Amino acid sequence: MAHDLESIVTVATVPAQDAEIRIYDKEKALCDCLRFRNQIGIDICLEALKNYLRSPEASMDKLLRYANQCRVGKSTRRYLAGMT
């Protein structure tokens, strides 16, 4: 899974003290949000998804590719269907 995900993930690496911090793009962040929705709260996830969908850079294809790779495709499609 990780190798497949690396082929679509846009990441920047920022040096910080003794480590490097990886910064992922919006679609990956949304998938992580949905993956951990029980820990962070579904209301926060849905608000993030709404904000993403309103942005001019929103790409449903990219989001669903990420979601499938991150194993949250089914729940992502369910939440998207509820919003439209």
PDB file of N, CA and C in Angstrom:
ATOM      1  N   MET A   1       0.822  -1.197   0.000  1.00  0.00           N
ATOM      2  CA  MET A   1       0.000   0.000   0.000  1.00  0.00           C
ATOM      3  C   MET A   1       0.865   1.259   0.000  1.00  0.00           C
ATOM      4  N   ALA A   2       1.877   1.319   0.853  1.00  0.00           N
ATOM      5  CA  ALA A   2       2.675   2.531   0.975  1.00  0.00           C
ATOM      6  C   ALA A   2       3.334   2.896  -0.344  1.00  0.00           C
ATOM      7  N   HIS A   3       3.826   1.895  -1.076  1.00  0.00           N
ATOM      8  CA  HIS A   3       4.485   2.187  -2.345  1.00  0.00           C
ATOM      9  C   HIS A   3       3.493   2.788  -3.343  1.00  0.00           C
ATOM     10  N   ASP A   4       2.294   2.242  -3.425  1.00  0.00           N
ATOM     11  CA  ASP A   4       1.278   2.789  -4.320  1.00  0.00           C
ATOM     12  C   ASP A   4       0.901   4.211  -3.925  1.00  0.00           C
ATOM     13  N   LEU A   5       0.801   4.457  -2.658  1.00  0.00           N
ATOM     14  CA  LEU A   5       0.430   5.785  -2.169  1.00  0.00           C
ATOM     15  C   LEU A   5       1.524   6.798  -2.479  1.00  0.00           C
ATOM     16  N   GLU A   6       2.776   6.382  -2.374  1.00  0.00           N
ATOM     17  CA  GLU A   6       3.881   7.291  -2.676  1.00  0.00           C
ATOM     18  C   GLU A   6       3.835   7.786  -4.111  1.00  0.00           C
ATOM     19  N   SER A   7       3.259   7.003  -5.007  1.00  0.00           N
ATOM     20  CA  SER A   7       3.214   7.415  -6.410  1.00  0.00           C
ATOM     21  C   SER A   7       2.221   8.546  -6.660  1.00  0.00           C
ATOM     22  N   ILE A   8       1.253   8.780  -5.758  1.00  0.00           N
ATOM     23  CA  ILE A   8       0.282   9.855  -5.974  1.00  0.00           C
ATOM     24  C   ILE A   8       0.378  10.975  -4.950  1.00  0.00           C
ATOM     25  N   VAL A   9       1.107  10.772  -3.858  1.00  0.00           N
ATOM     26  CA  VAL A   9       1.177  11.760  -2.788  1.00  0.00           C
ATOM     27  C   VAL A   9       2.192  12.853  -3.130  1.00  0.00           C
ATOM     28  N   THR A  10       1.771  14.091  -2.986  1.00  0.00           N
ATOM     29  CA  THR A  10       2.674  15.224  -3.105  1.00  0.00           C
ATOM     30  C   THR A  10       3.132  15.575  -1.701  1.00  0.00           C
ATOM     31  N   VAL A  11       4.413  15.568  -1.517  1.00  0.00           N
ATOM     32  CA  VAL A  11       4.922  15.802  -0.168  1.00  0.00           C
ATOM     33  C   VAL A  11       6.106  16.759  -0.224  1.00  0.00           C
ATOM     34  N   ALA A  12       6.188  17.588   0.787  1.00  0.00           N
ATOM     35  CA  ALA A  12       7.348  18.457   0.976  1.00  0.00           C
ATOM     36  C   ALA A  12       8.012  18.021   2.272  1.00  0.00           C
ATOM     37  N   THR A  13       9.308  18.085   2.300  1.00  0.00           N
ATOM     38  CA  THR A  13      10.034  17.729   3.509  1.00  0.00           C
ATOM     39  C   THR A  13      10.679  18.994   4.056  1.00  0.00           C
ATOM     40  N   VAL A  14      10.414  19.262   5.320  1.00  0.00           N
ATOM     41  CA  VAL A  14      10.916  20.459   5.971  1.00  0.00           C
ATOM     42  C   VAL A  14      11.846  20.036   7.113  1.00  0.00           C
ATOM     43  N   PRO A  15      13.067  20.549   7.136  1.00  0.00           N
ATOM     44  CA  PRO A  15      13.960  20.195   8.238  1.00  0.00           C
ATOM     45  C   PRO A  15      13.515  20.857   9.548  1.00  0.00           C
ATOM     46  N   ALA A  16      13.632  20.094  10.625  1.00  0.00           N
ATOM     47  CA  ALA A  16      13.273  20.612  11.947  1.00  0.00           C
ATOM     48  C   ALA A  16      14.176  19.964  12.989  1.00  0.00           C
ATOM     49  N   GLN A  17      14.972  20.715  13.649  1.00  0.00           N
ATOM     50  CA  GLN A  17      15.912  20.273  14.680  1.00  0.00           C
ATOM     51  C   GLN A  17      16.588  18.962  14.290  1.00  0.00           C
ATOM     52  N   ASP A  18      16.214  17.849  14.903  1.00  0.00           N
ATOM     53  CA  ASP A  18      16.876  16.569  14.652  1.00  0.00           C
ATOM     54  C   ASP A  18      16.096  15.653  13.721  1.00  0.00           C
ATOM     55  N   ALA A  19      15.097  16.178  13.059  1.00  0.00           N
ATOM     56  CA  ALA A  19      14.252  15.329  12.211  1.00  0.00           C
ATOM     57  C   ALA A  19      13.784  16.107  10.988  1.00  0.00           C
ATOM     58  N   GLU A  20      13.111  15.387  10.110  1.00  0.00           N
ATOM     59  CA  GLU A  20      12.464  16.022   8.976  1.00  0.00           C
ATOM     60  C   GLU A  20      10.965  15.816   9.105  1.00  0.00           C
ATOM     61  N   ILE A  21      10.207  16.846   8.813  1.00  0.00           N
ATOM     62  CA  ILE A  21       8.753  16.778   8.902  1.00  0.00           C
ATOM     63  C   ILE A  21       8.216  16.725   7.481  1.00  0.00           C
ATOM     64  N   ARG A  22       7.343  15.745   7.217  1.00  0.00           N
ATOM     65  CA  ARG A  22       6.735  15.630   5.897  1.00  0.00           C
ATOM     66  C   ARG A  22       5.386  16.339   5.894  1.00  0.00           C
ATOM     67  N   ILE A  23       5.156  17.126   4.871  1.00  0.00           N
ATOM     68  CA  ILE A  23       3.904  17.865   4.729  1.00  0.00           C
ATOM     69  C   ILE A  23       3.192  17.329   3.490  1.00  0.00           C
ATOM     70  N   TYR A  24       1.992  16.831   3.699  1.00  0.00           N
ATOM     71  CA  TYR A  24       1.229  16.222   2.609  1.00  0.00           C
ATOM     72  C   TYR A  24       0.210  17.203   2.059  1.00  0.00           C
ATOM     73  N   ASP A  25      -0.348  16.873   0.911  1.00  0.00           N
ATOM     74  CA  ASP A  25      -1.336  17.757   0.313  1.00  0.00           C
ATOM     75  C   ASP A  25      -2.716  17.571   0.945  1.00  0.00           C
ATOM     76  N   LYS A  26      -3.652  18.403   0.513  1.00  0.00           N
ATOM     77  CA  LYS A  26      -4.982  18.455   1.128  1.00  0.00           C
ATOM     78  C   LYS A  26      -5.726  17.128   1.068  1.00  0.00           C
ATOM     79  N   GLU A  27      -5.631  16.445  -0.063  1.00  0.00           N
ATOM     80  CA  GLU A  27      -6.374  15.195  -0.234  1.00  0.00           C
ATOM     81  C   GLU A  27      -5.901  14.125   0.752  1.00  0.00           C
ATOM     82  N   LYS A  28      -4.599  14.042   0.954  1.00  0.00           N
ATOM     83  CA  LYS A  28      -4.060  13.069   1.914  1.00  0.00           C
ATOM     84  C   LYS A  28      -4.481  13.453   3.335  1.00  0.00           C
ATOM     85  N   ALA A  29      -4.448  14.735   3.635  1.00  0.00           N
ATOM     86  CA  ALA A  29      -4.867  15.193   4.960  1.00  0.00           C
ATOM     87  C   ALA A  29      -6.338  14.861   5.214  1.00  0.00           C
ATOM     88  N   LEU A  30      -7.183  15.031   4.207  1.00  0.00           N
ATOM     89  CA  LEU A  30      -8.600  14.688   4.348  1.00  0.00           C
ATOM     90  C   LEU A  30      -8.790  13.193   4.589  1.00  0.00           C
ATOM     91  N   CYS A  31      -8.050  12.379   3.857  1.00  0.00           N
ATOM     92  CA  CYS A  31      -8.152  10.927   4.041  1.00  0.00           C
ATOM     93  C   CYS A  31      -7.708  10.528   5.441  1.00  0.00           C
ATOM     94  N   ASP A  32      -6.648  11.162   5.939  1.00  0.00           N
ATOM     95  CA  ASP A  32      -6.214  10.884   7.313  1.00  0.00           C
ATOM     96  C   ASP A  32      -7.277  11.326   8.303  1.00  0.00           C
ATOM     97  N   CYS A  33      -7.896  12.448   8.031  1.00  0.00           N
ATOM     98  CA  CYS A  33      -8.974  12.955   8.885  1.00  0.00           C
ATOM     99  C   CYS A  33     -10.124  11.944   8.937  1.00  0.00           C
ATOM    100  N   LEU A  34     -10.518  11.432   7.781  1.00  0.00           N
ATOM    101  CA  LEU A  34     -11.608  10.449   7.731  1.00  0.00           C
ATOM    102  C   LEU A  34     -11.195   9.121   8.358  1.00  0.00           C
ATOM    103  N   ARG A  35      -9.951   8.771   8.198  1.00  0.00           N
ATOM    104  CA  ARG A  35      -9.463   7.518   8.781  1.00  0.00           C
ATOM    105  C   ARG A  35      -9.524   7.550  10.309  1.00  0.00           C
ATOM    106  N   PHE A  36      -9.232   8.705  10.880  1.00  0.00           N
ATOM    107  CA  PHE A  36      -9.221   8.842  12.340  1.00  0.00           C
ATOM    108  C   PHE A  36     -10.411   9.651  12.845  1.00  0.00           C
ATOM    109  N   ARG A  37     -11.523   9.580  12.117  1.00  0.00           N
ATOM    110  CA  ARG A  37     -12.710  10.379  12.454  1.00  0.00           C
ATOM    111  C   ARG A  37     -13.256  10.092  13.846  1.00  0.00           C
ATOM    112  N   ASN A  38     -13.108   8.878  14.346  1.00  0.00           N
ATOM    113  CA  ASN A  38     -13.612   8.572  15.687  1.00  0.00           C
ATOM    114  C   ASN A  38     -12.770   9.230  16.775  1.00  0.00           C
ATOM    115  N   GLN A  39     -11.498   9.458  16.496  1.00  0.00           N
ATOM    116  CA  GLN A  39     -10.628  10.110  17.475  1.00  0.00           C
ATOM    117  C   GLN A  39     -10.747  11.633  17.442  1.00  0.00           C
ATOM    118  N   ILE A  40     -10.901  12.200  16.238  1.00  0.00           N
ATOM    119  CA  ILE A  40     -10.925  13.667  16.161  1.00  0.00           C
ATOM    120  C   ILE A  40     -12.323  14.251  16.066  1.00  0.00           C
ATOM    121  N   GLY A  41     -13.286  13.423  15.775  1.00  0.00           N
ATOM    122  CA  GLY A  41     -14.675  13.880  15.705  1.00  0.00           C
ATOM    123  C   GLY A  41     -15.170  14.016  14.278  1.00  0.00           C
ATOM    124  N   ILE A  42     -16.311  13.447  14.019  1.00  0.00           N
ATOM    125  CA  ILE A  42     -16.866  13.456  12.670  1.00  0.00           C
ATOM    126  C   ILE A  42     -17.237  14.867  12.226  1.00  0.00           C
ATOM    127  N   ASP A  43     -17.627  15.725  13.171  1.00  0.00           N
ATOM    128  CA  ASP A  43     -17.984  17.099  12.811  1.00  0.00           C
ATOM    129  C   ASP A  43     -16.793  17.853  12.220  1.00  0.00           C
ATOM    130  N   ILE A  44     -15.611  17.628  12.745  1.00  0.00           N
ATOM    131  CA  ILE A  44     -14.405  18.267  12.214  1.00  0.00           C
ATOM    132  C   ILE A  44     -14.097  17.723  10.822  1.00  0.00           C
ATOM    133  N   CYS A  45     -14.235  16.417  10.649  1.00  0.00           N
ATOM    134  CA  CYS A  45     -13.991  15.798   9.340  1.00  0.00           C
ATOM    135  C   CYS A  45     -14.948  16.326   8.279  1.00  0.00           C
ATOM    136  N   LEU A  46     -16.203  16.414   8.623  1.00  0.00           N
ATOM    137  CA  LEU A  46     -17.197  16.895   7.654  1.00  0.00           C
ATOM    138  C   LEU A  46     -16.980  18.357   7.309  1.00  0.00           C
ATOM    139  N   GLU A  47     -16.597  19.154   8.275  1.00  0.00           N
ATOM    140  CA  GLU A  47     -16.304  20.565   8.014  1.00  0.00           C
ATOM    141  C   GLU A  47     -15.087  20.690   7.094  1.00  0.00           C
ATOM    142  N   ALA A  48     -14.065  19.882   7.334  1.00  0.00           N
ATOM    143  CA  ALA A  48     -12.877  19.896   6.469  1.00  0.00           C
ATOM    144  C   ALA A  48     -13.244  19.476   5.051  1.00  0.00           C
ATOM    145  N   LEU A  49     -14.091  18.470   4.928  1.00  0.00           N
ATOM    146  CA  LEU A  49     -14.518  18.002   3.611  1.00  0.00           C
ATOM    147  C   LEU A  49     -15.332  19.079   2.889  1.00  0.00           C
ATOM    148  N   LYS A  50     -16.227  19.754   3.600  1.00  0.00           N
ATOM    149  CA  LYS A  50     -17.012  20.844   3.012  1.00  0.00           C
ATOM    150  C   LYS A  50     -16.094  21.966   2.514  1.00  0.00           C
ATOM    151  N   ASN A  51     -15.122  22.332   3.331  1.00  0.00           N
ATOM    152  CA  ASN A  51     -14.190  23.390   2.946  1.00  0.00           C
ATOM    153  C   ASN A  51     -13.376  22.986   1.716  1.00  0.00           C
ATOM    154  N   TYR A  52     -12.969  21.739   1.678  1.00  0.00           N
ATOM    155  CA  TYR A  52     -12.219  21.251   0.524  1.00  0.00           C
ATOM    156  C   TYR A  52     -13.068  21.333  -0.742  1.00  0.00           C
ATOM    157  N   LEU A  53     -14.306  20.888  -0.653  1.00  0.00           N
ATOM    158  CA  LEU A  53     -15.186  20.877  -1.827  1.00  0.00           C
ATOM    159  C   LEU A  53     -15.481  22.287  -2.343  1.00  0.00           C
ATOM    160  N   ARG A  54     -15.432  23.273  -1.468  1.00  0.00           N
ATOM    161  CA  ARG A  54     -15.662  24.664  -1.867  1.00  0.00           C
ATOM    162  C   ARG A  54     -14.440  25.287  -2.541  1.00  0.00           C
ATOM    163  N   SER A  55     -13.270  24.714  -2.330  1.00  0.00           N
ATOM    164  CA  SER A  55     -12.051  25.322  -2.862  1.00  0.00           C
ATOM    165  C   SER A  55     -11.947  25.100  -4.369  1.00  0.00           C
ATOM    166  N   PRO A  56     -11.399  26.064  -5.081  1.00  0.00           N
ATOM    167  CA  PRO A  56     -11.277  25.925  -6.539  1.00  0.00           C
ATOM    168  C   PRO A  56     -10.308  24.816  -6.954  1.00  0.00           C
ATOM    169  N   GLU A  57      -9.385  24.422  -6.070  1.00  0.00           N
ATOM    170  CA  GLU A  57      -8.421  23.370  -6.393  1.00  0.00           C
ATOM    171  C   GLU A  57      -8.960  21.971  -6.130  1.00  0.00           C
ATOM    172  N   ALA A  58     -10.171  21.864  -5.642  1.00  0.00           N
ATOM    173  CA  ALA A  58     -10.728  20.549  -5.280  1.00  0.00           C
ATOM    174  C   ALA A  58     -10.759  19.626  -6.494  1.00  0.00           C
ATOM    175  N   SER A  59     -10.279  18.405  -6.291  1.00  0.00           N
ATOM    176  CA  SER A  59     -10.273  17.397  -7.345  1.00  0.00           C
ATOM    177  C   SER A  59     -10.880  16.111  -6.791  1.00  0.00           C
ATOM    178  N   MET A  60     -12.086  15.813  -7.228  1.00  0.00           N
ATOM    179  CA  MET A  60     -12.761  14.602  -6.763  1.00  0.00           C
ATOM    180  C   MET A  60     -11.985  13.355  -7.160  1.00  0.00           C
ATOM    181  N   ASP A  61     -11.433  13.356  -8.364  1.00  0.00           N
ATOM    182  CA  ASP A  61     -10.667  12.201  -8.821  1.00  0.00           C
ATOM    183  C   ASP A  61      -9.471  11.947  -7.914  1.00  0.00           C
ATOM    184  N   LYS A  62      -8.735  13.001  -7.621  1.00  0.00           N
ATOM    185  CA  LYS A  62      -7.557  12.867  -6.763  1.00  0.00           C
ATOM    186  C   LYS A  62      -7.957  12.436  -5.353  1.00  0.00           C
ATOM    187  N   LEU A  63      -9.003  13.044  -4.817  1.00  0.00           N
ATOM    188  CA  LEU A  63      -9.470  12.684  -3.483  1.00  0.00           C
ATOM    189  C   LEU A  63      -9.881  11.219  -3.414  1.00  0.00           C
ATOM    190  N   LEU A  64     -10.620  10.747  -4.401  1.00  0.00           N
ATOM    191  CA  LEU A  64     -11.067   9.352  -4.382  1.00  0.00           C
ATOM    192  C   LEU A  64      -9.919   8.373  -4.614  1.00  0.00           C
ATOM    193  N   ARG A  65      -8.923   8.773  -5.396  1.00  0.00           N
ATOM    194  CA  ARG A  65      -7.726   7.917  -5.549  1.00  0.00           C
ATOM    195  C   ARG A  65      -7.005   7.768  -4.223  1.00  0.00           C
ATOM    196  N   TYR A  66      -6.797   8.885  -3.542  1.00  0.00           N
ATOM    197  CA  TYR A  66      -6.179   8.853  -2.219  1.00  0.00           C
ATOM    198  C   TYR A  66      -7.013   8.001  -1.267  1.00  0.00           C
ATOM    199  N   ALA A  67      -8.307   8.235  -1.256  1.00  0.00           N
ATOM    200  CA  ALA A  67      -9.199   7.526  -0.338  1.00  0.00           C
ATOM    201  C   ALA A  67      -9.116   6.021  -0.552  1.00  0.00           C
ATOM    202  N   ASN A  68      -9.104   5.592  -1.798  1.00  0.00           N
ATOM    203  CA  ASN A  68      -8.992   4.158  -2.072  1.00  0.00           C
ATOM    204  C   ASN A  68      -7.661   3.609  -1.592  1.00  0.00           C
ATOM    205  N   GLN A  69      -6.583   4.335  -1.828  1.00  0.00           N
ATOM    206  CA  GLN A  69      -5.266   3.890  -1.393  1.00  0.00           C
ATOM    207  C   GLN A  69      -5.145   3.877   0.132  1.00  0.00           C
ATOM    208  N   CYS A  70      -5.801   4.812   0.783  1.00  0.00           N
ATOM    209  CA  CYS A  70      -5.746   4.904   2.254  1.00  0.00           C
ATOM    210  C   CYS A  70      -6.813   4.041   2.931  1.00  0.00           C
ATOM    211  N   ARG A  71      -7.562   3.306   2.138  1.00  0.00           N
ATOM    212  CA  ARG A  71      -8.601   2.392   2.630  1.00  0.00           C
ATOM    213  C   ARG A  71      -9.765   3.092   3.329  1.00  0.00           C
ATOM    214  N   VAL A  72     -10.077   4.279   2.858  1.00  0.00           N
ATOM    215  CA  VAL A  72     -11.261   4.985   3.355  1.00  0.00           C
ATOM    216  C   VAL A  72     -12.168   5.380   2.192  1.00  0.00           C
ATOM    217  N   GLY A  73     -12.045   4.674   1.083  1.00  0.00           N
ATOM    218  CA  GLY A  73     -12.817   4.987  -0.112  1.00  0.00           C
ATOM    219  C   GLY A  73     -14.310   4.872   0.092  1.00  0.00           C
ATOM    220  N   LYS A  74     -14.727   3.807   0.732  1.00  0.00           N
ATOM    221  CA  LYS A  74     -16.159   3.573   0.939  1.00  0.00           C
ATOM    222  C   LYS A  74     -16.776   4.673   1.807  1.00  0.00           C
ATOM    223  N   SER A  75     -16.122   4.993   2.912  1.00  0.00           N
ATOM    224  CA  SER A  75     -16.682   6.026   3.793  1.00  0.00           C
ATOM    225  C   SER A  75     -16.598   7.406   3.135  1.00  0.00           C
ATOM    226  N   THR A  76     -15.546   7.658   2.366  1.00  0.00           N
ATOM    227  CA  THR A  76     -15.433   8.941   1.667  1.00  0.00           C
ATOM    228  C   THR A  76     -16.570   9.110   0.677  1.00  0.00           C
ATOM    229  N   ARG A  77     -16.842   8.079  -0.102  1.00  0.00           N
ATOM    230  CA  ARG A  77     -17.951   8.154  -1.065  1.00  0.00           C
ATOM    231  C   ARG A  77     -19.286   8.329  -0.350  1.00  0.00           C
ATOM    232  N   ARG A  78     -19.446   7.688   0.798  1.00  0.00           N
ATOM    233  CA  ARG A  78     -20.698   7.815   1.557  1.00  0.00           C
ATOM    234  C   ARG A  78     -20.886   9.250   2.054  1.00  0.00           C
ATOM    235  N   TYR A  79     -19.830   9.853   2.588  1.00  0.00           N
ATOM    236  CA  TYR A  79     -19.939  11.232   3.072  1.00  0.00           C
ATOM    237  C   TYR A  79     -20.130  12.209   1.916  1.00  0.00           C
ATOM    238  N   LEU A  80     -19.457  11.960   0.796  1.00  0.00           N
ATOM    239  CA  LEU A  80     -19.629  12.822  -0.368  1.00  0.00           C
ATOM    240  C   LEU A  80     -21.060  12.750  -0.894  1.00  0.00           C
ATOM    241  N   ALA A  81     -21.625  11.561  -0.930  1.00  0.00           N
ATOM    242  CA  ALA A  81     -23.000  11.389  -1.404  1.00  0.00           C
ATOM    243  C   ALA A  81     -23.981  12.115  -0.485  1.00  0.00           C
ATOM    244  N   GLY A  82     -23.705  12.128   0.798  1.00  0.00           N
ATOM    245  CA  GLY A  82     -24.578  12.819   1.749  1.00  0.00           C
ATOM    246  C   GLY A  82     -24.512  14.324   1.628  1.00  0.00           C
ATOM    247  N   MET A  83     -23.431  14.835   1.057  1.00  0.00           N
ATOM    248  CA  MET A  83     -23.260  16.281   0.928  1.00  0.00           C
ATOM    249  C   MET A  83     -23.810  16.830  -0.378  1.00  0.00           C
ATOM    250  N   THR A  84     -24.028  15.962  -1.354  1.00  0.00           N
ATOM    251  CA  THR A  84     -24.484  16.457  -2.652  1.00  0.00           C
ATOM    252  C   THR A  84     -25.949  16.180  -2.858  1.00  0.00           C
TER     253      THR A  84
END
